Amino acid sequence: MEQWISQAIAGLADPVHRRVLHGYAAWHHLRRLRGRLDGRPASRDQAKNVRDHVTAAAAFLDWLEDRELTLAGCTQADLDQWLARTSALRARSANFVRWAAGHRHASRLTAPATRWTGPSGPLDQDRRWADARRLLNDDAYPAADRVAGLLILLYAQKLNVIAALTTQHVLHDDSRTLLRLGSRPIALPAPLDDLVTRLADSRETRGRSLLGIPSPWLFPGHRPGSALTEDALAQRLHAIGISPRQGRSTALLALAAEVPAAILAKTLGIHVQVAVQWQKISAGDWTAYAADVSRRSGPQPVPSRRETRNQP
């Protein structure tokens, strides 16, 4: 990624534009991406997103240079002309213009922002819970597909995060099964705990490499020692009627409306700023959560697997 960015910057003739593009690519996109990944490898979609934004910014700066203009001297009329003629790059180049104006590389420029309103309404939540019940109770689906789908529908996990899970992420504490998605492990409810436990235990005998070493991946790929790719996982989920992107968005919208951003970030492993943005979209009320916590007489133990199953 860094090598590609260096090549994109080198393609600009204006040294001032090269410096601006370097700041946008390295200190805006790459820095934010590293913070979100927290040491994990970037997914193909994440890398593509950075490349697309940098490409759009470079195309805009090239267009200015062709007209013997500079970013600092660009007027609103010039920008409007660019946006009107380049619909394919409009949204991403507009992001660069807003960043440039905010960092005083450009002045008095405004660019439209594409606003996303989230899932369309209650029907999305109804579909989410119907799909979750189906995966929890239907043994006809493979256990790996059921677990992957439930991690999306219940815990708003991304495909690249799910594919990178190993048996080390599955923990056991007394009678509880926990899964470490963020900095705080999550106690899994029944029957998801059994599904995850069986999936982790099956890696002791299945998914072995040619050398007879058990696979560490919860979702091993076809090649020995490798994890399942995001594309392959997405295809498997689509085959059982689960849309990963829509399911995650709907789950994240619901969770952000009920849980404070800081706790959401620590338990789900997402960046706190992302959690804050989702909470604003969902209009989540922190006071309701705080009031619920204050009514509790003390720490509430997580019910055991047997207690959960015996509940009416």
C-alpha atoms as a PDB file:
ATOM      1  CA  MET A   1       0.000   0.000   0.000  1.00  0.00           C
ATOM      2  CA  GLU A   2       2.762   2.464   0.899  1.00  0.00           C
ATOM      3  CA  GLN A   3       4.661   1.615  -2.294  1.00  0.00           C
ATOM      4  CA  TRP A   4       1.540   2.160  -4.381  1.00  0.00           C
ATOM      5  CA  ILE A   5       0.889   5.502  -2.686  1.00  0.00           C
ATOM      6  CA  SER A   6       4.475   6.615  -3.376  1.00  0.00           C
ATOM      7  CA  GLN A   7       3.989   5.828  -7.059  1.00  0.00           C
ATOM      8  CA  ALA A   8       0.685   7.740  -7.148  1.00  0.00           C
ATOM      9  CA  ILE A   9       2.313  10.778  -5.542  1.00  0.00           C
ATOM     10  CA  ALA A  10       5.279  10.654  -7.929  1.00  0.00           C
ATOM     11  CA  GLY A  11       2.884  10.976 -10.860  1.00  0.00           C
ATOM     12  CA  LEU A  12       2.088  14.596  -9.925  1.00  0.00           C
ATOM     13  CA  ALA A  13       4.231  17.338 -11.428  1.00  0.00           C
ATOM     14  CA  ASP A  14       3.543  20.048  -8.843  1.00  0.00           C
ATOM     15  CA  PRO A  15       5.677  19.516  -5.679  1.00  0.00           C
ATOM     16  CA  VAL A  16       3.052  21.289  -3.553  1.00  0.00           C
ATOM     17  CA  HIS A  17       0.374  18.921  -4.831  1.00  0.00           C
ATOM     18  CA  ARG A  18       2.654  15.958  -4.120  1.00  0.00           C
ATOM     19  CA  ARG A  19       3.056  17.094  -0.525  1.00  0.00           C
ATOM     20  CA  VAL A  20      -0.693  17.580  -0.106  1.00  0.00           C
ATOM     21  CA  LEU A  21      -1.503  14.177  -1.581  1.00  0.00           C
ATOM     22  CA  HIS A  22       1.066  12.548   0.708  1.00  0.00           C
ATOM     23  CA  GLY A  23      -0.614  14.120   3.733  1.00  0.00           C
ATOM     24  CA  TYR A  24      -4.042  12.970   2.579  1.00  0.00           C
ATOM     25  CA  ALA A  25      -2.912   9.406   1.846  1.00  0.00           C
ATOM     26  CA  ALA A  26      -0.474   8.778   4.688  1.00  0.00           C
ATOM     27  CA  TRP A  27      -1.727  10.917   7.546  1.00  0.00           C
ATOM     28  CA  HIS A  28      -5.439  10.678   6.845  1.00  0.00           C
ATOM     29  CA  HIS A  29      -6.226   7.318   5.242  1.00  0.00           C
ATOM     30  CA  LEU A  30      -3.340   5.088   6.320  1.00  0.00           C
ATOM     31  CA  ARG A  31      -3.208   6.441   9.844  1.00  0.00           C
ATOM     32  CA  ARG A  32      -6.941   5.910  10.318  1.00  0.00           C
ATOM     33  CA  LEU A  33      -6.769   2.448   8.771  1.00  0.00           C
ATOM     34  CA  ARG A  34      -3.939   1.379  11.088  1.00  0.00           C
ATOM     35  CA  GLY A  35      -5.944   2.571  14.083  1.00  0.00           C
ATOM     36  CA  ARG A  36      -8.950   0.511  13.033  1.00  0.00           C
ATOM     37  CA  LEU A  37      -6.961  -2.628  12.242  1.00  0.00           C
ATOM     38  CA  ASP A  38      -5.028  -2.631  15.530  1.00  0.00           C
ATOM     39  CA  GLY A  39      -2.311  -4.860  14.113  1.00  0.00           C
ATOM     40  CA  ARG A  40      -4.579  -7.022  11.954  1.00  0.00           C
ATOM     41  CA  PRO A  41      -3.972  -7.220   8.195  1.00  0.00           C
ATOM     42  CA  ALA A  42      -6.061  -4.965   5.975  1.00  0.00           C
ATOM     43  CA  SER A  43      -8.820  -6.586   3.964  1.00  0.00           C
ATOM     44  CA  ARG A  44      -9.014  -6.297   0.193  1.00  0.00           C
ATOM     45  CA  ASP A  45     -12.004  -3.947   0.443  1.00  0.00           C
ATOM     46  CA  GLN A  46     -10.191  -1.707   2.924  1.00  0.00           C
ATOM     47  CA  ALA A  47      -7.128  -1.486   0.675  1.00  0.00           C
ATOM     48  CA  LYS A  48      -9.327  -0.809  -2.343  1.00  0.00           C
ATOM     49  CA  ASN A  49     -11.125   1.966  -0.478  1.00  0.00           C
ATOM     50  CA  VAL A  50      -7.829   3.756   0.231  1.00  0.00           C
ATOM     51  CA  ARG A  51      -6.647   3.327  -3.353  1.00  0.00           C
ATOM     52  CA  ASP A  52      -9.927   4.625  -4.758  1.00  0.00           C
ATOM     53  CA  HIS A  53      -9.835   7.759  -2.606  1.00  0.00           C
ATOM     54  CA  VAL A  54      -6.180   8.478  -3.371  1.00  0.00           C
ATOM     55  CA  THR A  55      -6.789   7.862  -7.078  1.00  0.00           C
ATOM     56  CA  ALA A  56      -9.706  10.308  -7.063  1.00  0.00           C
ATOM     57  CA  ALA A  57      -7.631  12.946  -5.261  1.00  0.00           C
ATOM     58  CA  ALA A  58      -4.727  12.496  -7.701  1.00  0.00           C
ATOM     59  CA  ALA A  59      -7.107  12.752 -10.665  1.00  0.00           C
ATOM     60  CA  PHE A  60      -8.488  16.039  -9.344  1.00  0.00           C
ATOM     61  CA  LEU A  61      -4.989  17.449  -8.810  1.00  0.00           C
ATOM     62  CA  ASP A  62      -3.982  16.293 -12.310  1.00  0.00           C
ATOM     63  CA  TRP A  63      -7.022  18.080 -13.709  1.00  0.00           C
ATOM     64  CA  LEU A  64      -5.971  21.267 -11.931  1.00  0.00           C
ATOM     65  CA  GLU A  65      -2.412  20.989 -13.273  1.00  0.00           C
ATOM     66  CA  ASP A  66      -3.665  20.483 -16.833  1.00  0.00           C
ATOM     67  CA  ARG A  67      -5.451  23.828 -16.497  1.00  0.00           C
ATOM     68  CA  GLU A  68      -2.453  25.476 -14.882  1.00  0.00           C
ATOM     69  CA  LEU A  69      -4.331  25.805 -11.614  1.00  0.00           C
ATOM     70  CA  THR A  70      -3.254  25.056  -8.049  1.00  0.00           C
ATOM     71  CA  LEU A  71      -5.282  23.639  -5.209  1.00  0.00           C
ATOM     72  CA  ALA A  72      -4.823  26.852  -3.229  1.00  0.00           C
ATOM     73  CA  GLY A  73      -6.023  28.921  -6.187  1.00  0.00           C
ATOM     74  CA  CYS A  74      -8.946  26.665  -7.106  1.00  0.00           C
ATOM     75  CA  THR A  75     -12.291  28.490  -7.020  1.00  0.00           C
ATOM     76  CA  GLN A  76     -15.714  27.056  -6.313  1.00  0.00           C
ATOM     77  CA  ALA A  77     -16.567  27.445  -9.998  1.00  0.00           C
ATOM     78  CA  ASP A  78     -13.528  25.329 -10.940  1.00  0.00           C
ATOM     79  CA  LEU A  79     -14.506  22.659  -8.423  1.00  0.00           C
ATOM     80  CA  ASP A  80     -18.117  22.601  -9.628  1.00  0.00           C
ATOM     81  CA  GLN A  81     -16.882  22.117 -13.170  1.00  0.00           C
ATOM     82  CA  TRP A  82     -14.770  19.151 -12.074  1.00  0.00           C
ATOM     83  CA  LEU A  83     -17.572  17.546 -10.083  1.00  0.00           C
ATOM     84  CA  ALA A  84     -20.055  17.992 -12.932  1.00  0.00           C
ATOM     85  CA  ARG A  85     -17.842  16.224 -15.465  1.00  0.00           C
ATOM     86  CA  THR A  86     -16.496  13.350 -13.379  1.00  0.00           C
ATOM     87  CA  SER A  87     -19.434  11.567 -11.824  1.00  0.00           C
ATOM     88  CA  ALA A  88     -17.477   8.346 -11.245  1.00  0.00           C
ATOM     89  CA  LEU A  89     -14.939  10.133  -9.026  1.00  0.00           C
ATOM     90  CA  ARG A  90     -17.273  12.738  -7.568  1.00  0.00           C
ATOM     91  CA  ALA A  91     -17.902  11.311  -4.100  1.00  0.00           C
ATOM     92  CA  ARG A  92     -14.303  10.305  -3.428  1.00  0.00           C
ATOM     93  CA  SER A  93     -12.741  13.494  -4.772  1.00  0.00           C
ATOM     94  CA  ALA A  94     -15.258  15.487  -2.737  1.00  0.00           C
ATOM     95  CA  ASN A  95     -13.905  13.767   0.364  1.00  0.00           C
ATOM     96  CA  PHE A  96     -10.407  14.969  -0.548  1.00  0.00           C
ATOM     97  CA  VAL A  97     -11.634  18.538  -1.115  1.00  0.00           C
ATOM     98  CA  ARG A  98     -13.297  18.625   2.304  1.00  0.00           C
ATOM     99  CA  TRP A  99     -10.099  17.318   3.895  1.00  0.00           C
ATOM    100  CA  ALA A 100      -7.976  19.876   2.013  1.00  0.00           C
ATOM    101  CA  ALA A 101     -10.230  22.742   3.074  1.00  0.00           C
ATOM    102  CA  GLY A 102     -10.161  21.565   6.683  1.00  0.00           C
ATOM    103  CA  HIS A 103      -6.349  21.497   6.644  1.00  0.00           C
ATOM    104  CA  ARG A 104      -6.116  24.897   4.909  1.00  0.00           C
ATOM    105  CA  HIS A 105      -4.683  23.566   1.674  1.00  0.00           C
ATOM    106  CA  ALA A 106      -7.701  25.088  -0.058  1.00  0.00           C
ATOM    107  CA  SER A 107      -9.977  27.952   0.900  1.00  0.00           C
ATOM    108  CA  ARG A 108     -13.677  28.663   0.505  1.00  0.00           C
ATOM    109  CA  LEU A 109     -14.408  25.363  -1.219  1.00  0.00           C
ATOM    110  CA  THR A 110     -17.432  23.235  -0.426  1.00  0.00           C
ATOM    111  CA  ALA A 111     -18.066  19.751  -1.795  1.00  0.00           C
ATOM    112  CA  PRO A 112     -21.209  17.659  -1.401  1.00  0.00           C
ATOM    113  CA  ALA A 113     -21.176  14.700   0.972  1.00  0.00           C
ATOM    114  CA  THR A 114     -23.003  11.449   0.330  1.00  0.00           C
ATOM    115  CA  ARG A 115     -25.221  10.767   3.315  1.00  0.00           C
ATOM    116  CA  TRP A 116     -26.175   7.219   4.263  1.00  0.00           C
ATOM    117  CA  THR A 117     -29.345   6.796   6.308  1.00  0.00           C
ATOM    118  CA  GLY A 118     -28.744   3.225   7.459  1.00  0.00           C
ATOM    119  CA  PRO A 119     -31.198   0.314   7.248  1.00  0.00           C
ATOM    120  CA  SER A 120     -34.580   1.250   5.841  1.00  0.00           C
ATOM    121  CA  GLY A 121     -36.678   0.518   8.912  1.00  0.00           C
ATOM    122  CA  PRO A 122     -38.167  -2.040  11.305  1.00  0.00           C
ATOM    123  CA  LEU A 123     -38.400  -4.680   8.582  1.00  0.00           C
ATOM    124  CA  ASP A 124     -34.617  -4.900   8.553  1.00  0.00           C
ATOM    125  CA  GLN A 125     -34.584  -5.774  12.262  1.00  0.00           C
ATOM    126  CA  ASP A 126     -37.360  -8.332  11.769  1.00  0.00           C
ATOM    127  CA  ARG A 127     -35.361  -9.991   9.006  1.00  0.00           C
ATOM    128  CA  ARG A 128     -32.221  -9.900  11.145  1.00  0.00           C
ATOM    129  CA  TRP A 129     -33.866 -11.743  14.048  1.00  0.00           C
ATOM    130  CA  ALA A 130     -35.583 -14.222  11.741  1.00  0.00           C
ATOM    131  CA  ASP A 131     -32.250 -15.074  10.145  1.00  0.00           C
ATOM    132  CA  ALA A 132     -30.596 -15.354  13.567  1.00  0.00           C
ATOM    133  CA  ARG A 133     -33.270 -17.780  14.827  1.00  0.00           C
ATOM    134  CA  ARG A 134     -32.887 -19.833  11.658  1.00  0.00           C
ATOM    135  CA  LEU A 135     -29.131 -20.149  12.090  1.00  0.00           C
ATOM    136  CA  LEU A 136     -29.405 -20.897  15.797  1.00  0.00           C
ATOM    137  CA  ASN A 137     -31.892 -23.725  15.395  1.00  0.00           C
ATOM    138  CA  ASP A 138     -31.452 -25.292  11.946  1.00  0.00           C
ATOM    139  CA  ASP A 139     -28.875 -28.081  12.049  1.00  0.00           C
ATOM    140  CA  ALA A 140     -29.089 -28.518   8.273  1.00  0.00           C
ATOM    141  CA  TYR A 141     -26.569 -25.706   7.774  1.00  0.00           C
ATOM    142  CA  PRO A 142     -22.834 -26.287   8.351  1.00  0.00           C
ATOM    143  CA  ALA A 143     -21.696 -25.181  11.801  1.00  0.00           C
ATOM    144  CA  ALA A 144     -19.067 -22.832  10.345  1.00  0.00           C
ATOM    145  CA  ASP A 145     -21.658 -21.038   8.209  1.00  0.00           C
ATOM    146  CA  ARG A 146     -24.026 -20.748  11.162  1.00  0.00           C
ATOM    147  CA  VAL A 147     -21.350 -19.268  13.430  1.00  0.00           C
ATOM    148  CA  ALA A 148     -20.146 -16.815  10.774  1.00  0.00           C
ATOM    149  CA  GLY A 149     -23.684 -15.636  10.063  1.00  0.00           C
ATOM    150  CA  LEU A 150     -24.485 -15.229  13.744  1.00  0.00           C
ATOM    151  CA  LEU A 151     -21.318 -13.219  14.378  1.00  0.00           C
ATOM    152  CA  ILE A 152     -22.557 -10.786  11.747  1.00  0.00           C
ATOM    153  CA  LEU A 153     -26.197 -10.668  12.826  1.00  0.00           C
ATOM    154  CA  LEU A 154     -25.595 -10.538  16.591  1.00  0.00           C
ATOM    155  CA  TYR A 155     -22.184  -8.892  16.941  1.00  0.00           C
ATOM    156  CA  ALA A 156     -21.850  -6.842  13.730  1.00  0.00           C
ATOM    157  CA  GLN A 157     -18.534  -8.411  12.752  1.00  0.00           C
ATOM    158  CA  LYS A 158     -16.828  -7.835   9.398  1.00  0.00           C
ATOM    159  CA  LEU A 159     -15.948 -10.691   7.077  1.00  0.00           C
ATOM    160  CA  ASN A 160     -12.203 -10.069   7.366  1.00  0.00           C
ATOM    161  CA  VAL A 161     -12.402 -10.178  11.168  1.00  0.00           C
ATOM    162  CA  ILE A 162     -14.428 -13.404  11.139  1.00  0.00           C
ATOM    163  CA  ALA A 163     -12.057 -15.055   8.665  1.00  0.00           C
ATOM    164  CA  ALA A 164      -9.078 -14.148  10.891  1.00  0.00           C
ATOM    165  CA  LEU A 165     -10.505 -15.807  14.028  1.00  0.00           C
ATOM    166  CA  THR A 166      -8.487 -18.680  15.476  1.00  0.00           C
ATOM    167  CA  THR A 167      -9.066 -21.229  18.196  1.00  0.00           C
ATOM    168  CA  GLN A 168      -7.122 -18.896  20.519  1.00  0.00           C
ATOM    169  CA  HIS A 169     -10.010 -16.433  20.359  1.00  0.00           C
ATOM    170  CA  VAL A 170     -12.314 -19.011  21.979  1.00  0.00           C
ATOM    171  CA  LEU A 171     -11.975 -18.975  25.768  1.00  0.00           C
ATOM    172  CA  HIS A 172     -13.594 -21.008  28.561  1.00  0.00           C
ATOM    173  CA  ASP A 173     -14.330 -19.709  32.047  1.00  0.00           C
ATOM    174  CA  ASP A 174     -16.064 -22.181  34.371  1.00  0.00           C
ATOM    175  CA  SER A 175     -19.210 -23.138  32.477  1.00  0.00           C
ATOM    176  CA  ARG A 176     -19.083 -20.198  30.092  1.00  0.00           C
ATOM    177  CA  THR A 177     -17.757 -20.003  26.549  1.00  0.00           C
ATOM    178  CA  LEU A 178     -16.275 -16.634  25.650  1.00  0.00           C
ATOM    179  CA  LEU A 179     -15.171 -15.162  22.339  1.00  0.00           C
ATOM    180  CA  ARG A 180     -12.578 -12.404  22.110  1.00  0.00           C
ATOM    181  CA  LEU A 181     -13.596  -9.965  19.380  1.00  0.00           C
ATOM    182  CA  GLY A 182     -12.270  -6.787  20.998  1.00  0.00           C
ATOM    183  CA  SER A 183     -10.290  -6.048  24.144  1.00  0.00           C
ATOM    184  CA  ARG A 184     -13.030  -7.588  26.329  1.00  0.00           C
ATOM    185  CA  PRO A 185     -14.198 -11.168  25.690  1.00  0.00           C
ATOM    186  CA  ILE A 186     -17.924 -11.696  25.173  1.00  0.00           C
ATOM    187  CA  ALA A 187     -19.806 -14.433  27.025  1.00  0.00           C
ATOM    188  CA  LEU A 188     -21.741 -16.294  24.347  1.00  0.00           C
ATOM    189  CA  PRO A 189     -25.366 -17.265  24.996  1.00  0.00           C
ATOM    190  CA  ALA A 190     -26.762 -20.726  24.344  1.00  0.00           C
ATOM    191  CA  PRO A 191     -26.905 -22.352  21.868  1.00  0.00           C
ATOM    192  CA  LEU A 192     -24.258 -20.185  20.163  1.00  0.00           C
ATOM    193  CA  ASP A 193     -21.738 -21.208  22.815  1.00  0.00           C
ATOM    194  CA  ASP A 194     -22.130 -24.871  21.849  1.00  0.00           C
ATOM    195  CA  LEU A 195     -21.760 -24.057  18.157  1.00  0.00           C
ATOM    196  CA  VAL A 196     -18.538 -22.124  18.710  1.00  0.00           C
ATOM    197  CA  THR A 197     -17.138 -24.782  21.057  1.00  0.00           C
ATOM    198  CA  ARG A 198     -17.842 -27.570  18.571  1.00  0.00           C
ATOM    199  CA  LEU A 199     -16.324 -25.533  15.780  1.00  0.00           C
ATOM    200  CA  ALA A 200     -13.130 -24.906  17.763  1.00  0.00           C
ATOM    201  CA  ASP A 201     -12.900 -28.552  18.900  1.00  0.00           C
ATOM    202  CA  SER A 202     -13.337 -29.815  15.334  1.00  0.00           C
ATOM    203  CA  ARG A 203     -10.104 -28.085  14.344  1.00  0.00           C
ATOM    204  CA  GLU A 204      -8.269 -30.705  16.410  1.00  0.00           C
ATOM    205  CA  THR A 205      -8.990 -33.320  13.753  1.00  0.00           C
ATOM    206  CA  ARG A 206     -10.206 -31.394  10.677  1.00  0.00           C
ATOM    207  CA  GLY A 207      -8.385 -28.836   8.578  1.00  0.00           C
ATOM    208  CA  ARG A 208      -4.991 -30.445   9.148  1.00  0.00           C
ATOM    209  CA  SER A 209      -2.083 -29.484   6.948  1.00  0.00           C
ATOM    210  CA  LEU A 210       0.051 -31.909   4.941  1.00  0.00           C
ATOM    211  CA  LEU A 211       2.423 -32.097   7.918  1.00  0.00           C
ATOM    212  CA  GLY A 212      -0.373 -33.204  10.234  1.00  0.00           C
ATOM    213  CA  ILE A 213      -0.536 -29.899  12.133  1.00  0.00           C
ATOM    214  CA  PRO A 214      -4.054 -28.918  13.280  1.00  0.00           C
ATOM    215  CA  SER A 215      -5.401 -25.763  11.679  1.00  0.00           C
ATOM    216  CA  PRO A 216      -5.485 -22.762  14.061  1.00  0.00           C
ATOM    217  CA  TRP A 217      -8.224 -21.079  12.022  1.00  0.00           C
ATOM    218  CA  LEU A 218     -11.873 -21.325  12.999  1.00  0.00           C
ATOM    219  CA  PHE A 219     -12.647 -20.961   9.304  1.00  0.00           C
ATOM    220  CA  PRO A 220      -9.799 -22.750   7.463  1.00  0.00           C
ATOM    221  CA  GLY A 221      -9.393 -22.365   3.730  1.00  0.00           C
ATOM    222  CA  HIS A 222      -8.811 -25.014   1.105  1.00  0.00           C
ATOM    223  CA  ARG A 223      -5.057 -24.512   1.137  1.00  0.00           C
ATOM    224  CA  PRO A 224      -3.313 -26.122   4.138  1.00  0.00           C
ATOM    225  CA  GLY A 225      -2.489 -23.614   6.848  1.00  0.00           C
ATOM    226  CA  SER A 226      -4.514 -20.773   5.334  1.00  0.00           C
ATOM    227  CA  ALA A 227      -7.735 -19.138   6.479  1.00  0.00           C
ATOM    228  CA  LEU A 228     -10.890 -18.955   4.405  1.00  0.00           C
ATOM    229  CA  THR A 229     -10.892 -15.881   2.165  1.00  0.00           C
ATOM    230  CA  GLU A 230     -13.461 -13.125   2.555  1.00  0.00           C
ATOM    231  CA  ASP A 231     -14.878 -13.798  -0.898  1.00  0.00           C
ATOM    232  CA  ALA A 232     -15.339 -17.491  -0.178  1.00  0.00           C
ATOM    233  CA  LEU A 233     -16.966 -16.721   3.180  1.00  0.00           C
ATOM    234  CA  ALA A 234     -19.285 -14.176   1.574  1.00  0.00           C
ATOM    235  CA  GLN A 235     -20.338 -16.696  -1.075  1.00  0.00           C
ATOM    236  CA  ARG A 236     -21.135 -19.290   1.568  1.00  0.00           C
ATOM    237  CA  LEU A 237     -23.251 -16.826   3.533  1.00  0.00           C
ATOM    238  CA  HIS A 238     -25.115 -15.610   0.460  1.00  0.00           C
ATOM    239  CA  ALA A 239     -25.861 -19.248  -0.358  1.00  0.00           C
ATOM    240  CA  ILE A 240     -27.771 -19.609   2.940  1.00  0.00           C
ATOM    241  CA  GLY A 241     -29.611 -16.316   2.527  1.00  0.00           C
ATOM    242  CA  ILE A 242     -27.388 -14.011   4.627  1.00  0.00           C
ATOM    243  CA  SER A 243     -26.257 -10.656   3.240  1.00  0.00           C
ATOM    244  CA  PRO A 244     -23.062  -9.809   5.196  1.00  0.00           C
ATOM    245  CA  ARG A 245     -23.076  -6.064   4.511  1.00  0.00           C
ATOM    246  CA  GLN A 246     -26.762  -5.469   5.185  1.00  0.00           C
ATOM    247  CA  GLY A 247     -26.776  -7.791   8.184  1.00  0.00           C
ATOM    248  CA  ARG A 248     -23.806  -6.046   9.781  1.00  0.00           C
ATOM    249  CA  SER A 249     -25.230  -2.568   9.180  1.00  0.00           C
ATOM    250  CA  THR A 250     -28.572  -3.533  10.707  1.00  0.00           C
ATOM    251  CA  ALA A 251     -26.903  -5.165  13.716  1.00  0.00           C
ATOM    252  CA  LEU A 252     -24.560  -2.248  14.289  1.00  0.00           C
ATOM    253  CA  LEU A 253     -27.425   0.229  14.079  1.00  0.00           C
ATOM    254  CA  ALA A 254     -29.387  -1.699  16.711  1.00  0.00           C
ATOM    255  CA  LEU A 255     -26.418  -2.173  19.047  1.00  0.00           C
ATOM    256  CA  ALA A 256     -25.354   1.474  18.794  1.00  0.00           C
ATOM    257  CA  ALA A 257     -28.824   2.549  19.902  1.00  0.00           C
ATOM    258  CA  GLU A 258     -28.541   0.538  23.129  1.00  0.00           C
ATOM    259  CA  VAL A 259     -24.883   0.495  24.187  1.00  0.00           C
ATOM    260  CA  PRO A 260     -22.461   3.412  24.765  1.00  0.00           C
ATOM    261  CA  ALA A 261     -19.840   3.851  22.078  1.00  0.00           C
ATOM    262  CA  ALA A 262     -16.875   3.121  24.372  1.00  0.00           C
ATOM    263  CA  ILE A 263     -18.282  -0.251  25.453  1.00  0.00           C
ATOM    264  CA  LEU A 264     -19.350  -1.078  21.907  1.00  0.00           C
ATOM    265  CA  ALA A 265     -15.814  -0.425  20.648  1.00  0.00           C
ATOM    266  CA  LYS A 266     -14.153  -2.561  23.345  1.00  0.00           C
ATOM    267  CA  THR A 267     -16.463  -5.555  22.980  1.00  0.00           C
ATOM    268  CA  LEU A 268     -16.870  -5.628  19.200  1.00  0.00           C
ATOM    269  CA  GLY A 269     -13.318  -4.588  18.315  1.00  0.00           C
ATOM    270  CA  ILE A 270     -14.301  -1.540  16.243  1.00  0.00           C
ATOM    271  CA  HIS A 271     -12.764   1.922  16.437  1.00  0.00           C
ATOM    272  CA  VAL A 272     -14.398   4.172  19.026  1.00  0.00           C
ATOM    273  CA  GLN A 273     -14.952   6.943  16.451  1.00  0.00           C
ATOM    274  CA  VAL A 274     -16.845   4.487  14.263  1.00  0.00           C
ATOM    275  CA  ALA A 275     -18.981   3.524  17.253  1.00  0.00           C
ATOM    276  CA  VAL A 276     -19.678   7.207  17.977  1.00  0.00           C
ATOM    277  CA  GLN A 277     -20.759   7.796  14.373  1.00  0.00           C
ATOM    278  CA  TRP A 278     -23.116   4.827  14.455  1.00  0.00           C
ATOM    279  CA  GLN A 279     -24.563   6.016  17.742  1.00  0.00           C
ATOM    280  CA  LYS A 280     -25.318   9.391  16.226  1.00  0.00           C
ATOM    281  CA  ILE A 281     -27.022   7.740  13.254  1.00  0.00           C
ATOM    282  CA  SER A 282     -29.092   5.500  15.517  1.00  0.00           C
ATOM    283  CA  ALA A 283     -29.851   8.342  17.966  1.00  0.00           C
ATOM    284  CA  GLY A 284     -28.790   6.070  20.808  1.00  0.00           C
ATOM    285  CA  ASP A 285     -29.595   7.255  24.324  1.00  0.00           C
ATOM    286  CA  TRP A 286     -26.727   6.699  26.782  1.00  0.00           C
ATOM    287  CA  THR A 287     -28.885   7.871  29.686  1.00  0.00           C
ATOM    288  CA  ALA A 288     -31.235   4.923  29.262  1.00  0.00           C
ATOM    289  CA  TYR A 289     -28.292   2.524  29.437  1.00  0.00           C
ATOM    290  CA  ALA A 290     -26.862   4.283  32.507  1.00  0.00           C
ATOM    291  CA  ALA A 291     -30.242   4.198  34.232  1.00  0.00           C
ATOM    292  CA  ASP A 292     -30.545   0.479  33.602  1.00  0.00           C
ATOM    293  CA  VAL A 293     -27.082  -0.145  35.074  1.00  0.00           C
ATOM    294  CA  SER A 294     -27.830   1.997  38.129  1.00  0.00           C
ATOM    295  CA  ARG A 295     -30.940  -0.078  38.924  1.00  0.00           C
ATOM    296  CA  ARG A 296     -28.891  -3.249  39.247  1.00  0.00           C
ATOM    297  CA  SER A 297     -28.194  -4.180  42.854  1.00  0.00           C
ATOM    298  CA  GLY A 298     -24.752  -5.529  42.047  1.00  0.00           C
ATOM    299  CA  PRO A 299     -22.741  -7.481  39.516  1.00  0.00           C
ATOM    300  CA  GLN A 300     -25.011  -9.904  37.699  1.00  0.00           C
ATOM    301  CA  PRO A 301     -23.457 -13.305  37.004  1.00  0.00           C
ATOM    302  CA  VAL A 302     -23.798 -14.729  33.529  1.00  0.00           C
ATOM    303  CA  PRO A 303     -26.224 -17.684  33.710  1.00  0.00           C
ATOM    304  CA  SER A 304     -24.751 -21.091  33.119  1.00  0.00           C
ATOM    305  CA  ARG A 305     -25.539 -23.119  30.057  1.00  0.00           C
ATOM    306  CA  ARG A 306     -27.869 -25.387  32.055  1.00  0.00           C
ATOM    307  CA  GLU A 307     -29.710 -22.436  33.624  1.00  0.00           C
ATOM    308  CA  THR A 308     -30.197 -20.803  30.235  1.00  0.00           C
ATOM    309  CA  ARG A 309     -31.659 -23.934  28.736  1.00  0.00           C
ATOM    310  CA  ASN A 310     -34.023 -24.491  31.654  1.00  0.00           C
ATOM    311  CA  GLN A 311     -35.553 -21.022  31.312  1.00  0.00           C
ATOM    312  CA  PRO A 312     -39.112 -21.043  29.949  1.00  0.00           C
END
